[in-house]
Protein backbone atom coordinates (compact mmCIF):
# COMPACT_ATOMS: atom_id res chain seq x y z
CA MET A 1 144.31 90.52 81.03
CA LEU A 2 143.24 92.07 84.35
CA ASP A 3 142.05 95.25 82.61
CA LEU A 4 139.93 93.19 80.24
CA ALA A 5 138.51 91.12 83.11
CA ILE A 6 137.57 94.29 84.99
CA LEU A 7 135.76 95.75 81.99
CA ILE A 8 133.92 92.52 81.18
CA THR A 9 132.86 92.04 84.81
CA LEU A 10 131.56 95.61 85.06
CA LEU A 11 130.00 96.03 81.62
CA SER A 12 128.35 92.63 81.12
CA PRO A 13 125.32 93.50 83.33
CA LEU A 14 125.10 96.92 81.63
CA PHE A 15 125.10 95.22 78.24
CA GLY A 16 122.32 92.89 79.42
CA PHE A 17 120.33 95.89 80.67
CA LEU A 18 120.61 97.63 77.29
CA ILE A 19 119.64 94.54 75.28
CA ASN A 20 116.60 93.76 77.42
CA GLY A 21 115.66 97.40 77.83
CA ILE A 22 115.69 98.10 74.07
CA PHE A 23 114.72 94.77 72.53
CA GLY A 24 112.90 93.14 75.44
CA LYS A 25 109.44 93.27 73.88
CA TYR A 26 110.76 91.41 70.82
CA ILE A 27 112.84 88.71 72.53
CA TYR A 28 110.59 88.31 75.61
CA ARG A 29 111.36 84.85 77.09
CA ALA A 30 114.95 84.98 75.87
CA SER A 31 115.50 88.05 78.03
CA GLY A 32 115.82 85.93 81.18
CA TRP A 33 118.54 83.76 79.67
CA ILE A 34 120.35 86.79 78.22
CA ALA A 35 120.39 88.58 81.60
CA THR A 36 121.50 85.41 83.39
CA SER A 37 124.23 84.75 80.81
CA MET A 38 125.59 88.25 81.34
CA LEU A 39 125.79 87.53 85.07
CA LEU A 40 127.47 84.18 84.42
CA ILE A 41 130.16 85.94 82.37
CA SER A 42 130.52 88.60 85.05
CA SER A 43 130.73 85.96 87.78
CA VAL A 44 133.43 83.92 85.99
CA PHE A 45 135.62 86.98 85.48
CA GLY A 46 134.82 88.09 89.03
CA ILE A 47 136.30 84.82 90.31
CA TYR A 48 139.38 85.45 88.16
CA ILE A 49 139.77 88.95 89.68
CA LEU A 50 139.40 87.49 93.19
CA ILE A 51 142.12 84.88 92.57
CA GLU A 52 144.45 87.48 91.07
CA ALA A 53 143.91 89.93 93.92
CA ILE A 54 144.23 87.42 96.77
CA SER A 55 147.24 85.57 95.34
CA LYS A 56 149.19 88.75 94.59
CA ASN A 57 147.82 91.08 97.31
CA LEU A 58 146.97 93.56 94.58
CA VAL A 59 146.41 97.24 95.03
CA TYR A 60 145.71 97.98 91.39
CA GLU A 61 144.35 101.32 90.22
CA LYS A 62 143.35 101.88 86.61
CA VAL A 63 142.19 105.27 85.30
CA PHE A 64 140.20 104.94 82.09
CA TYR A 65 139.59 108.65 81.45
CA THR A 66 139.24 112.00 83.20
CA TRP A 67 135.60 112.39 84.07
CA ILE A 68 135.34 115.92 85.56
CA VAL A 69 137.71 118.89 85.21
CA LEU A 70 136.53 122.07 86.88
CA ASP A 71 138.89 124.63 88.45
CA LYS A 72 140.57 122.69 91.30
CA ILE A 73 138.35 119.65 90.85
CA LYS A 74 139.69 116.77 88.79
CA VAL A 75 137.86 113.47 89.01
CA ASP A 76 138.84 110.34 87.10
CA PHE A 77 136.66 107.47 86.01
CA GLY A 78 138.91 104.94 87.66
CA ILE A 79 138.81 101.45 89.11
CA LEU A 80 140.53 100.25 92.28
CA ILE A 81 141.07 96.53 92.70
CA ASP A 82 142.36 95.24 96.02
CA ASN A 83 141.39 92.32 98.22
CA LEU A 84 138.41 94.18 99.68
CA SER A 85 136.86 95.14 96.34
CA ALA A 86 137.71 91.72 94.83
CA ILE A 87 135.82 89.93 97.61
CA MET A 88 132.84 92.21 97.11
CA ILE A 89 132.92 91.67 93.34
CA PHE A 90 132.81 87.91 93.90
CA VAL A 91 129.91 88.12 96.36
CA VAL A 92 127.89 90.46 94.15
CA THR A 93 128.35 88.56 90.88
CA PHE A 94 128.18 85.00 92.24
CA VAL A 95 125.07 85.42 94.38
CA SER A 96 123.38 87.64 91.79
CA PHE A 97 123.91 85.00 89.10
CA TRP A 98 121.99 82.38 91.06
CA ILE A 99 119.21 84.84 91.83
CA HIS A 100 118.92 85.60 88.11
CA PHE A 101 118.87 81.88 87.34
CA TYR A 102 116.12 81.30 89.91
CA SER A 103 114.11 84.21 88.49
CA ILE A 104 113.83 82.62 85.04
CA GLU A 105 111.21 80.22 86.40
CA TYR A 106 109.86 82.32 89.24
CA MET A 107 108.90 85.27 86.99
CA LYS A 108 108.00 83.35 83.83
CA LYS A 109 104.29 84.21 83.99
CA ASP A 110 104.82 87.92 84.55
CA GLU A 111 103.73 90.16 81.69
CA SER A 112 106.74 92.46 82.26
CA TYR A 113 109.29 89.65 82.14
CA ALA A 114 111.87 91.49 80.02
CA ARG A 115 111.57 94.72 82.01
CA TYR A 116 112.22 92.76 85.21
CA PHE A 117 115.49 91.32 83.94
CA ALA A 118 116.58 94.67 82.52
CA TYR A 119 116.16 96.24 85.97
CA LEU A 120 117.89 93.30 87.63
CA ASN A 121 120.96 93.70 85.40
CA LEU A 122 120.98 97.45 86.01
CA PHE A 123 120.97 96.81 89.76
CA VAL A 124 124.05 94.59 89.57
CA PHE A 125 125.90 97.01 87.28
CA ALA A 126 125.30 99.89 89.72
CA MET A 127 126.53 97.80 92.65
CA LEU A 128 129.67 96.75 90.78
CA LEU A 129 130.39 100.38 89.90
CA LEU A 130 130.00 101.30 93.57
CA VAL A 131 132.40 98.54 94.63
CA MET A 132 135.02 99.08 91.92
CA ALA A 133 135.19 102.90 92.06
CA ASN A 134 138.54 104.43 93.02
CA ASN A 135 137.02 107.62 94.44
CA TYR A 136 134.10 108.77 96.55
CA LEU A 137 132.35 110.69 93.77
CA LEU A 138 132.27 107.71 91.42
CA MET A 139 131.15 105.53 94.32
CA PHE A 140 128.30 107.98 94.79
CA VAL A 141 127.20 107.37 91.18
CA GLY A 142 126.93 103.65 91.92
CA TRP A 143 125.39 104.50 95.30
CA GLU A 144 122.58 106.44 93.59
CA GLY A 145 122.37 103.81 90.86
CA VAL A 146 121.43 101.06 93.31
CA GLY A 147 118.94 103.49 94.85
CA LEU A 148 117.30 104.05 91.48
CA ALA A 149 117.30 100.33 90.61
CA SER A 150 115.82 99.42 93.99
CA TYR A 151 113.05 101.99 93.44
CA LEU A 152 112.26 100.45 90.06
CA LEU A 153 112.28 96.89 91.38
CA ILE A 154 110.46 97.45 94.68
CA GLY A 155 107.70 99.22 92.75
CA PHE A 156 107.96 96.76 89.85
CA TRP A 157 104.26 95.85 90.08
CA TYR A 158 103.31 99.50 89.75
CA LYS A 159 99.60 98.76 89.36
CA LYS A 160 99.54 97.88 93.07
CA ARG A 161 99.33 100.99 95.24
CA SER A 162 101.26 99.27 98.06
CA ALA A 163 104.17 98.53 95.69
CA THR A 164 104.44 102.09 94.39
CA ASP A 165 104.18 103.45 97.95
CA ALA A 166 106.97 101.09 99.07
CA GLY A 167 109.18 102.14 96.15
CA ASN A 168 108.60 105.81 96.91
CA LYS A 169 109.33 105.26 100.60
CA ALA A 170 112.61 103.48 99.86
CA PHE A 171 113.67 106.24 97.47
CA ILE A 172 112.74 109.14 99.77
CA VAL A 173 114.19 107.65 102.99
CA ASN A 174 117.44 106.95 101.19
CA ARG A 175 117.58 110.56 99.97
CA ILE A 176 117.65 111.63 103.63
CA GLY A 177 120.69 109.46 104.27
CA ASP A 178 122.30 110.46 100.99
CA ALA A 179 122.22 114.12 102.05
CA GLY A 180 124.55 113.22 104.92
CA TYR A 181 126.74 111.16 102.62
CA LEU A 182 127.07 114.06 100.16
CA LEU A 183 128.00 116.48 102.95
CA GLY A 184 130.68 114.00 104.03
CA ILE A 185 132.08 113.90 100.49
CA PHE A 186 132.10 117.71 100.28
CA LEU A 187 133.92 117.90 103.61
CA ILE A 188 136.46 115.36 102.38
CA PHE A 189 137.19 117.49 99.32
CA THR A 190 137.41 120.65 101.45
CA TYR A 191 140.27 119.21 103.51
CA PHE A 192 141.94 116.80 101.07
CA LEU A 193 141.27 118.56 97.71
CA SER A 194 140.66 115.14 96.25
CA PHE A 195 138.02 112.42 96.03
CA ASN A 196 140.53 109.64 95.30
CA TYR A 197 140.77 106.97 98.02
CA LEU A 198 144.52 106.41 97.87
CA GLU A 199 145.34 110.13 97.94
CA ILE A 200 142.95 110.75 100.84
CA PHE A 201 144.13 107.80 102.93
CA LYS A 202 147.78 108.77 102.35
CA ASN A 203 147.15 112.16 103.98
CA VAL A 204 144.49 111.25 106.51
CA SER A 205 146.83 111.54 109.51
CA PHE A 206 147.44 115.24 108.73
CA VAL A 207 143.81 116.23 109.30
CA GLU A 208 142.42 117.12 112.71
CA LYS A 209 140.61 114.35 114.58
CA ASN A 210 137.46 116.43 115.00
CA VAL A 211 137.20 116.86 111.24
CA LEU A 212 137.66 113.11 110.70
CA THR A 213 134.95 112.44 113.28
CA LEU A 214 132.52 114.73 111.49
CA ILE A 215 133.38 113.12 108.14
CA GLY A 216 132.87 109.66 109.62
CA ILE A 217 129.48 110.57 111.11
CA LEU A 218 128.24 112.20 107.89
CA LEU A 219 129.29 109.21 105.78
CA PHE A 220 127.61 106.88 108.27
CA ILE A 221 124.34 108.81 107.99
CA GLY A 222 124.36 107.76 104.35
CA ALA A 223 125.10 104.19 105.40
CA THR A 224 122.14 104.09 107.81
CA GLY A 225 119.83 104.87 104.91
CA LYS A 226 121.36 102.54 102.35
CA SER A 227 121.85 99.68 104.83
CA ALA A 228 118.56 100.20 106.69
CA GLN A 229 119.85 100.96 110.17
CA PHE A 230 118.15 102.95 112.91
CA PRO A 231 116.56 105.42 112.40
CA LEU A 232 116.37 105.04 108.59
CA TYR A 233 115.40 101.37 108.60
CA THR A 234 111.66 101.69 107.99
CA TRP A 235 111.82 101.34 104.20
CA LEU A 236 113.26 97.83 104.14
CA PRO A 237 110.32 95.77 105.50
CA ASP A 238 107.98 97.60 103.09
CA ALA A 239 110.37 96.79 100.24
CA MET A 240 108.98 93.24 100.38
CA GLU A 241 106.27 94.45 97.99
CA GLY A 242 108.68 93.72 95.13
CA PRO A 243 109.23 90.25 93.62
CA THR A 244 110.87 87.81 96.05
CA PRO A 245 114.11 87.37 94.03
CA VAL A 246 114.47 91.16 94.20
CA SER A 247 114.33 90.89 97.99
CA ALA A 248 117.08 88.28 97.83
CA LEU A 249 119.20 90.54 95.63
CA ILE A 250 118.71 93.67 97.76
CA HIS A 251 119.33 91.89 101.06
CA ALA A 252 122.12 89.51 100.15
CA ALA A 253 124.35 90.94 97.46
CA THR A 254 123.63 94.55 96.64
CA MET A 255 122.01 97.57 98.21
CA VAL A 256 121.97 96.98 101.96
CA THR A 257 125.59 95.81 102.03
CA ALA A 258 126.77 99.03 100.35
CA GLY A 259 126.93 100.96 103.64
CA VAL A 260 129.08 98.30 105.31
CA TYR A 261 131.45 98.26 102.34
CA MET A 262 131.70 102.07 102.38
CA VAL A 263 132.67 102.12 106.07
CA ALA A 264 135.23 99.35 105.53
CA ARG A 265 136.63 101.19 102.51
CA SER A 266 136.88 104.33 104.68
CA SER A 267 138.62 102.43 107.50
CA PRO A 268 141.69 104.77 107.57
CA ILE A 269 139.29 107.61 108.48
CA TYR A 270 137.31 105.65 111.09
CA SER A 271 140.40 104.10 112.67
CA LEU A 272 141.58 107.62 113.63
CA SER A 273 138.20 108.59 115.11
CA PRO A 274 137.11 106.41 118.07
CA GLU A 275 134.00 108.57 118.50
CA ALA A 276 132.70 107.98 114.98
CA SER A 277 133.60 104.29 115.25
CA PHE A 278 131.67 103.93 118.50
CA ILE A 279 128.61 105.53 116.91
CA VAL A 280 128.84 103.00 114.06
CA ALA A 281 129.15 100.08 116.50
CA PHE A 282 126.40 101.27 118.86
CA VAL A 283 123.87 102.03 116.11
CA GLY A 284 124.64 98.63 114.57
CA ALA A 285 124.13 96.80 117.88
CA PHE A 286 120.95 98.72 118.70
CA SER A 287 119.55 98.06 115.20
CA ALA A 288 120.40 94.37 115.52
CA VAL A 289 118.33 93.96 118.68
CA LEU A 290 115.53 96.33 117.65
CA ALA A 291 114.91 94.52 114.36
CA ALA A 292 115.18 91.10 116.03
CA THR A 293 112.43 92.00 118.51
CA MET A 294 110.16 93.03 115.64
CA ALA A 295 110.81 89.73 113.86
CA LEU A 296 109.68 87.81 116.97
CA VAL A 297 105.97 88.47 116.41
CA ASN A 298 105.68 89.21 112.69
CA ASN A 299 103.62 86.78 110.62
CA ASP A 300 104.74 87.68 107.09
CA ILE A 301 107.37 85.19 105.87
CA LYS A 302 109.26 87.80 103.83
CA ARG A 303 109.09 90.57 106.42
CA ILE A 304 110.50 88.29 109.11
CA ILE A 305 113.52 87.66 106.90
CA ALA A 306 113.68 91.39 106.13
CA TYR A 307 113.89 92.26 109.83
CA SER A 308 116.56 89.60 110.07
CA THR A 309 118.55 91.46 107.42
CA ILE A 310 118.38 94.72 109.38
CA SER A 311 119.61 92.79 112.41
CA GLN A 312 122.47 91.03 110.60
CA ILE A 313 123.61 94.22 108.89
CA GLY A 314 123.74 95.63 112.42
CA TYR A 315 126.23 92.90 113.34
CA MET A 316 128.35 93.86 110.33
CA PHE A 317 128.40 97.49 111.49
CA VAL A 318 129.44 96.33 114.95
CA GLY A 319 132.37 94.53 113.32
CA VAL A 320 133.59 97.53 111.35
CA GLY A 321 132.71 99.87 114.25
CA VAL A 322 134.94 98.11 116.77
CA GLY A 323 137.84 98.08 114.34
CA ALA A 324 137.46 94.49 113.09
CA TYR A 325 136.89 95.51 109.50
CA TRP A 326 137.75 92.08 108.17
CA ALA A 327 135.21 90.46 110.53
CA GLY A 328 132.45 92.81 109.38
CA ILE A 329 133.18 92.02 105.72
CA PHE A 330 133.46 88.32 106.56
CA HIS A 331 129.93 88.37 107.98
CA LEU A 332 128.78 90.25 104.88
CA TYR A 333 130.27 87.41 102.80
CA THR A 334 128.70 84.53 104.75
CA HIS A 335 125.40 86.38 105.20
CA ALA A 336 125.05 86.76 101.42
CA PHE A 337 124.77 82.98 101.00
CA PHE A 338 122.32 82.10 103.74
CA LYS A 339 120.18 85.23 103.37
CA ALA A 340 119.79 84.73 99.62
CA LEU A 341 118.98 81.09 100.40
CA LEU A 342 116.27 82.02 102.91
CA PHE A 343 114.61 84.48 100.54
CA LEU A 344 114.70 82.01 97.67
CA GLY A 345 113.27 79.40 100.05
CA ALA A 346 110.49 81.84 100.97
CA GLY A 347 109.88 82.36 97.25
CA SER A 348 109.64 78.60 96.77
CA VAL A 349 107.03 78.41 99.53
CA MET A 350 105.08 81.29 97.99
CA HIS A 351 105.32 79.62 94.58
CA ALA A 352 103.75 76.49 96.09
CA LEU A 353 101.00 78.34 97.99
CA LYS A 354 99.78 80.86 95.39
CA ASP A 355 101.87 83.72 96.84
CA ASN A 356 100.49 83.35 100.36
CA LEU A 357 102.71 85.12 102.91
CA ASP A 358 101.00 84.45 106.25
CA ILE A 359 102.92 81.81 108.21
CA ARG A 360 99.85 81.26 110.41
CA LEU A 361 98.20 79.56 107.43
CA MET A 362 101.11 77.25 106.67
CA GLY A 363 102.45 74.13 108.35
CA GLY A 364 103.53 70.60 107.47
CA LEU A 365 105.24 71.61 104.23
CA TYR A 366 108.30 69.42 104.86
CA LYS A 367 106.24 66.46 103.64
CA LYS A 368 105.68 68.01 100.23
CA MET A 369 108.77 70.19 99.74
CA LYS A 370 111.76 68.12 100.82
CA ILE A 371 114.44 70.16 99.00
CA THR A 372 113.01 73.50 100.09
CA TRP A 373 112.67 72.18 103.64
CA LEU A 374 116.27 70.94 103.81
CA THR A 375 117.85 74.02 102.25
CA PHE A 376 115.71 76.34 104.39
CA LEU A 377 116.83 74.39 107.47
CA ILE A 378 120.48 74.87 106.49
CA GLY A 379 119.89 78.60 105.97
CA SER A 380 118.12 78.85 109.32
CA LEU A 381 120.93 77.06 111.15
CA ALA A 382 123.50 79.32 109.50
CA LEU A 383 121.52 82.43 110.47
CA ALA A 384 121.17 81.19 114.03
CA GLY A 385 124.94 80.70 114.21
CA ILE A 386 125.06 76.95 114.76
CA PHE A 387 128.44 75.23 114.38
CA PRO A 388 129.84 74.39 111.83
CA LEU A 389 127.76 76.49 109.45
CA ALA A 390 129.00 79.78 108.00
CA GLY A 391 127.10 82.12 110.30
CA PHE A 392 128.73 80.62 113.39
CA PHE A 393 132.25 81.68 112.37
CA SER A 394 131.49 85.19 111.14
CA LYS A 395 129.08 86.20 113.90
CA ASP A 396 131.31 84.86 116.65
CA LYS A 397 134.30 86.79 115.38
CA ILE A 398 132.32 90.02 115.56
CA ILE A 399 131.16 89.23 119.10
CA GLU A 400 134.70 88.39 120.19
CA TYR A 401 136.00 91.70 118.89
CA ALA A 402 133.07 93.52 120.50
CA TYR A 403 134.11 91.97 123.82
CA ILE A 404 137.79 92.96 123.66
CA SER A 405 136.95 96.44 122.31
CA GLY A 406 135.69 97.46 125.76
CA TYR A 407 132.30 98.67 124.46
CA SER A 408 130.27 96.79 127.08
CA ILE A 409 126.87 97.99 125.93
CA VAL A 410 127.63 96.90 122.37
CA PHE A 411 128.80 93.49 123.56
CA TYR A 412 125.70 92.81 125.69
CA LEU A 413 123.37 93.92 122.90
CA VAL A 414 124.90 91.59 120.31
CA ILE A 415 124.96 88.70 122.79
CA PHE A 416 121.25 89.21 123.47
CA GLY A 417 120.69 89.37 119.72
CA VAL A 418 122.08 85.84 119.33
CA PHE A 419 119.24 84.36 121.41
CA LEU A 420 116.59 86.46 119.66
CA THR A 421 117.90 85.49 116.21
CA ALA A 422 117.73 81.77 116.92
CA PHE A 423 114.23 82.06 118.39
CA TYR A 424 112.54 84.06 115.60
CA THR A 425 114.34 82.05 112.89
CA PHE A 426 113.08 78.72 114.16
CA ARG A 427 109.66 80.10 115.01
CA LEU A 428 109.44 80.81 111.29
CA PHE A 429 110.89 77.41 110.36
CA PHE A 430 108.60 75.34 112.61
CA LEU A 431 105.43 77.24 111.68
CA VAL A 432 106.09 76.92 107.95
CA PHE A 433 107.48 73.40 107.60
CA HIS A 434 106.36 71.57 110.74
CA THR A 435 103.32 71.63 113.01
CA LYS A 436 100.01 70.52 111.53
CA PRO A 437 98.74 72.23 108.36
CA ARG A 438 96.51 75.11 109.43
CA ASP A 439 94.85 75.66 106.06
CA GLU A 440 94.01 72.43 104.27
CA SER A 441 93.16 74.20 101.01
CA LEU A 442 96.66 75.66 100.83
CA TYR A 443 98.33 72.47 102.00
CA SER A 444 96.53 70.44 99.34
CA ILE A 445 98.06 72.49 96.49
CA ALA A 446 101.59 72.62 97.95
CA HIS A 447 104.34 71.12 95.75
CA GLU A 448 108.08 71.25 95.33
CA SER A 449 109.47 73.92 93.03
CA PRO A 450 111.00 73.09 89.61
CA LYS A 451 114.69 72.26 89.40
CA ILE A 452 115.56 75.64 87.92
CA MET A 453 114.49 77.09 91.28
CA THR A 454 115.85 74.37 93.58
CA ILE A 455 119.34 74.21 92.01
CA PRO A 456 120.27 77.77 93.15
CA MET A 457 118.93 76.91 96.61
CA ILE A 458 121.12 73.79 96.77
CA VAL A 459 124.23 75.72 95.65
CA LEU A 460 123.64 78.47 98.22
CA ALA A 461 122.99 75.86 100.90
CA ILE A 462 126.37 74.27 100.17
CA PHE A 463 128.11 77.63 100.52
CA SER A 464 126.15 78.29 103.71
CA ILE A 465 127.74 75.12 105.09
CA ILE A 466 131.33 75.49 103.91
CA GLY A 467 131.61 79.29 103.59
CA GLY A 468 132.80 79.89 107.15
CA PHE A 469 135.86 77.67 107.08
CA VAL A 470 137.90 80.27 105.18
CA TYR A 471 137.95 82.73 108.09
CA LEU A 472 141.73 82.52 108.58
CA GLN A 473 142.36 83.17 104.87
CA PHE A 474 139.81 85.96 105.04
CA GLU A 475 141.60 87.64 107.95
CA ASN A 476 144.94 87.39 106.17
CA ALA A 477 143.49 88.79 102.93
CA LEU A 478 142.14 91.89 104.70
CA SER A 479 144.97 92.30 107.20
CA TYR A 480 146.13 95.44 105.36
CA LEU A 481 143.04 97.27 106.64
CA PRO A 482 143.45 99.02 110.00
CA HIS A 483 142.49 96.60 112.76
CA ILE A 484 142.68 96.10 116.50
CA LYS A 485 145.06 93.43 117.72
CA PHE A 486 143.31 90.26 118.72
CA GLN A 487 144.71 87.41 120.75
CA GLU A 488 142.90 84.48 122.30
CA SER A 489 144.37 85.48 125.67
CA HIS A 490 142.24 88.64 125.56
CA LEU A 491 139.11 86.51 125.94
CA HIS A 492 138.33 85.84 129.58
CA ILE A 493 135.07 84.09 128.75
CA PRO A 494 134.39 81.33 126.18
CA ILE A 495 132.47 83.36 123.58
CA PRO A 496 131.80 80.44 121.15
CA ALA A 497 130.38 78.31 123.96
CA ILE A 498 128.15 81.15 125.17
CA THR A 499 126.80 82.04 121.73
CA LEU A 500 126.19 78.40 120.81
CA THR A 501 124.35 77.83 124.08
CA LEU A 502 122.18 80.91 123.54
CA SER A 503 121.40 79.83 119.98
CA LEU A 504 120.41 76.34 121.10
CA LEU A 505 118.25 77.80 123.88
CA GLY A 506 116.47 79.99 121.33
CA ILE A 507 115.83 76.97 119.08
CA VAL A 508 114.62 74.82 121.99
CA LEU A 509 112.27 77.56 123.20
CA ALA A 510 110.85 77.94 119.69
CA PHE A 511 110.41 74.16 119.50
CA PHE A 512 108.45 73.95 122.75
CA MET A 513 106.35 77.00 121.92
CA TYR A 514 105.41 76.08 118.35
CA GLN A 515 106.42 72.53 117.41
CA LYS A 516 105.60 70.78 120.70
CA PRO A 517 103.77 73.46 122.70
CA ILE A 518 104.14 72.56 126.36
CA ILE A 519 104.41 76.08 127.78
CA PRO A 520 101.29 76.75 129.88
CA SER A 521 98.67 78.68 127.94
CA PHE A 522 97.95 81.01 130.87
CA ILE A 523 101.34 82.68 130.30
CA GLY A 524 100.10 84.05 127.00
CA ASN A 525 97.05 85.51 128.73
CA LEU A 526 98.99 87.47 131.34
CA ILE A 527 98.65 91.24 131.06
CA ILE A 528 102.39 91.75 130.89
CA THR A 529 102.72 89.14 128.14
CA LYS A 530 99.98 90.74 126.06
CA LEU A 531 101.49 94.18 126.62
CA ILE A 532 104.93 93.05 125.42
CA TYR A 533 103.41 91.28 122.43
CA ASN A 534 101.38 94.33 121.41
CA ILE A 535 104.36 96.65 121.73
CA LEU A 536 106.46 94.38 119.53
CA TYR A 537 103.61 93.76 117.09
CA GLN A 538 103.16 97.52 116.71
CA ARG A 539 106.91 97.69 115.98
CA TRP A 540 107.63 99.52 119.21
CA GLY A 541 104.80 102.03 118.73
CA ILE A 542 106.68 104.59 120.79
CA LEU A 543 109.50 104.53 118.27
CA SER A 544 107.06 104.59 115.37
CA ASP A 545 105.35 107.66 116.85
CA TRP A 546 108.72 109.26 117.51
CA TYR A 547 109.76 108.58 113.94
CA GLU A 548 106.46 109.96 112.66
CA MET A 549 106.79 113.08 114.82
CA LEU A 550 110.47 113.91 114.43
CA VAL A 551 111.10 112.77 110.89
CA LEU A 552 107.93 112.74 108.81
CA ARG A 553 106.15 115.66 110.47
CA LEU A 554 109.35 117.68 110.58
CA LEU A 555 109.88 117.07 106.88
CA ARG A 556 106.29 118.03 106.11
CA LYS A 557 106.59 121.28 108.10
CA PHE A 558 109.92 122.08 106.51
CA SER A 559 108.44 121.41 103.08
CA GLY A 560 105.49 123.69 103.89
CA PHE A 561 107.82 126.45 105.09
CA SER A 562 109.99 126.06 101.98
CA HIS A 563 106.90 126.29 99.80
CA ARG A 564 105.57 129.43 101.51
CA PHE A 565 108.90 131.23 101.87
CA PHE A 566 111.13 130.11 99.00
CA ASP A 567 108.59 129.12 96.35
CA ILE A 568 106.02 131.88 96.86
CA LEU A 569 108.02 134.78 98.37
CA VAL A 570 111.49 134.30 96.87
CA ILE A 571 111.16 132.44 93.58
CA SER A 572 107.68 133.63 92.56
CA GLY A 573 108.47 137.08 94.04
CA LEU A 574 111.58 137.42 91.88
CA ASP A 575 109.57 136.36 88.84
CA ARG A 576 106.96 139.02 89.58
CA ALA A 577 109.64 141.64 90.30
CA PHE A 578 111.32 141.04 86.94
CA ALA A 579 107.96 141.08 85.21
CA TYR A 580 106.91 144.40 86.80
CA THR A 581 110.34 145.93 86.14
CA GLY A 582 110.06 144.98 82.49
CA LEU A 583 106.55 146.38 82.38
CA ILE A 584 107.65 149.74 83.83
CA ILE A 585 110.69 150.04 81.56
CA SER A 586 108.66 149.12 78.49
CA GLY A 587 106.01 151.65 79.53
CA ILE A 588 108.62 154.43 79.67
CA LEU A 589 110.21 153.41 76.39
CA ARG A 590 106.83 153.28 74.72
CA PHE A 591 106.48 157.09 75.03
CA ILE A 592 109.69 157.80 73.13
CA GLN A 593 108.85 155.33 70.38
CA ASP A 594 106.68 157.87 68.52
CA ALA A 595 107.88 156.99 64.98
CA LYS A 596 109.20 160.59 64.45
CA PHE A 597 112.62 160.93 62.82
CA SER A 598 113.38 164.13 64.70
CA THR A 599 112.88 162.42 68.08
CA TYR A 600 115.34 159.67 67.19
CA ILE A 601 117.95 162.22 66.02
CA ILE A 602 117.65 164.11 69.31
CA LEU A 603 118.04 160.90 71.33
CA ILE A 604 121.11 159.77 69.35
CA ALA A 605 122.71 163.17 69.79
CA LEU A 606 121.95 163.14 73.50
CA LEU A 607 123.42 159.67 73.94
CA PHE A 608 126.53 160.60 71.96
CA THR A 609 127.01 163.72 74.11
CA ILE A 610 126.75 161.70 77.33
CA MET A 611 129.28 159.12 76.07
CA VAL A 612 131.78 161.85 75.05
CA TYR A 613 131.33 163.51 78.44
CA ILE A 614 132.03 160.21 80.24
CA VAL A 615 135.15 159.60 78.14
CA ILE A 616 136.50 163.13 78.82
CA LEU A 617 135.93 162.77 82.56
CA SER A 618 137.63 159.39 82.68
């Protein structure tokens, strides 16, 4: 039964993709229900797999066929089901189902309705393949699959130049990270002669620590691209050019969580390399704060939530980087609910305001959109880490482990990030739903979304409330992963009290700056205040210039050098060399092709004599 459940869970989205991709123009409106039904089937069987795995502590590997056989290389198309992959399967299928359901109404007026749902199903299939794979090479197929699907969905409205540019940017930036990931895979095969997880992890202790560190760093380079961490984070805010449900899918259940899953799956490698683990934790903490500062001053409702994703993924990397792999995956699990909820809430607001994105033109919407207001409030509280919502439990566990790990800089960064997260989240909330309406024409047309859009928001809001209470079961389920020992006695300071206080301070500050502005106006006119605001508004212009100089310009120069040297001198030069060689040889042969029988007899005799001479000498 488990084999059948695995196949149905994996292949249902693929089947939906094929139906809508081939017959979409004939079935049109039915395509949304077909795609959503495929996800419902996948989600039901995903829950069955989760129950089976957790109840029996499964480590089940199933090889369906041998995929590649080449000299020493043998790669199977195989599936690995354990508690880690089962949890990911549940998150991917369950959250994706509700996003599909929401999309039926949200995208109903789009002329490419069937194509949208075909791409959406393809995205989920690729993510499930990535999660279920039993080896790094098959994971890479899913890894590239979500990259392709994200490119198609981000640039879905291809008639808009900004959408196609955003899709290209996401694809190209991820190729940079994927180069590191591929090198890591090649290095793994060099030392382990296998791509299979279980075989590699069984022998990981026999490989030198320096090699494991290099492998860990190379794999993490791929993760920084896929999960939008510094310095390869720049594609994610621009990815908001795609439909809003796509943003929910990318941020909550699929692409950006792939890097965190990959590091957790590779935990036996990282646990033996403190250096690689520290890099993971530090980059995650730095990305968390960097993205949070950018969200402070942004005015685009979707981009604010996008920066929030970069920040929260950073927290997940801190978790897996300090050795608390279960805590990092736990935050991935809780984050999926409230981040999908916030994006769907943003989509509901856009649906009510004719796709307006500027929060400076909103205000007072709680009076007209009660369900959206309430569910968005729950998502905001969960993101800010307010007790007893899901984000409080998962974020606090990561911060606690960061404290006992001894990485002081990581700990102080994530603590600072708590305050920033609460502030920018409730700045967004107050400006959109409270304060006075700042554009009466928009406010006058505002209305609550249809039930087919509000039902998924209500379900995700419920899980954002109750999702954190399973943290003990979560820790037990993933206790087989390498982890640092944690005891309450290790904590010399009350972390939950500190984080809750910082979150409340952030909310209160946002309230008195935007809802009930009592902060003196002269503060905003100070030179230092304007300077800080401009730096943040320009997304830390220094970093943007650095990125432009060291990444984009370097790539352009390298491309120019490759064109001049390899394309013109080497490749075109070889072509010309072969052409001229052929021309010379044909010119010589042309003189002996005189159509005289006597000439041919002489040549045959000469050749025969040479051959006999060679044979005698040998």
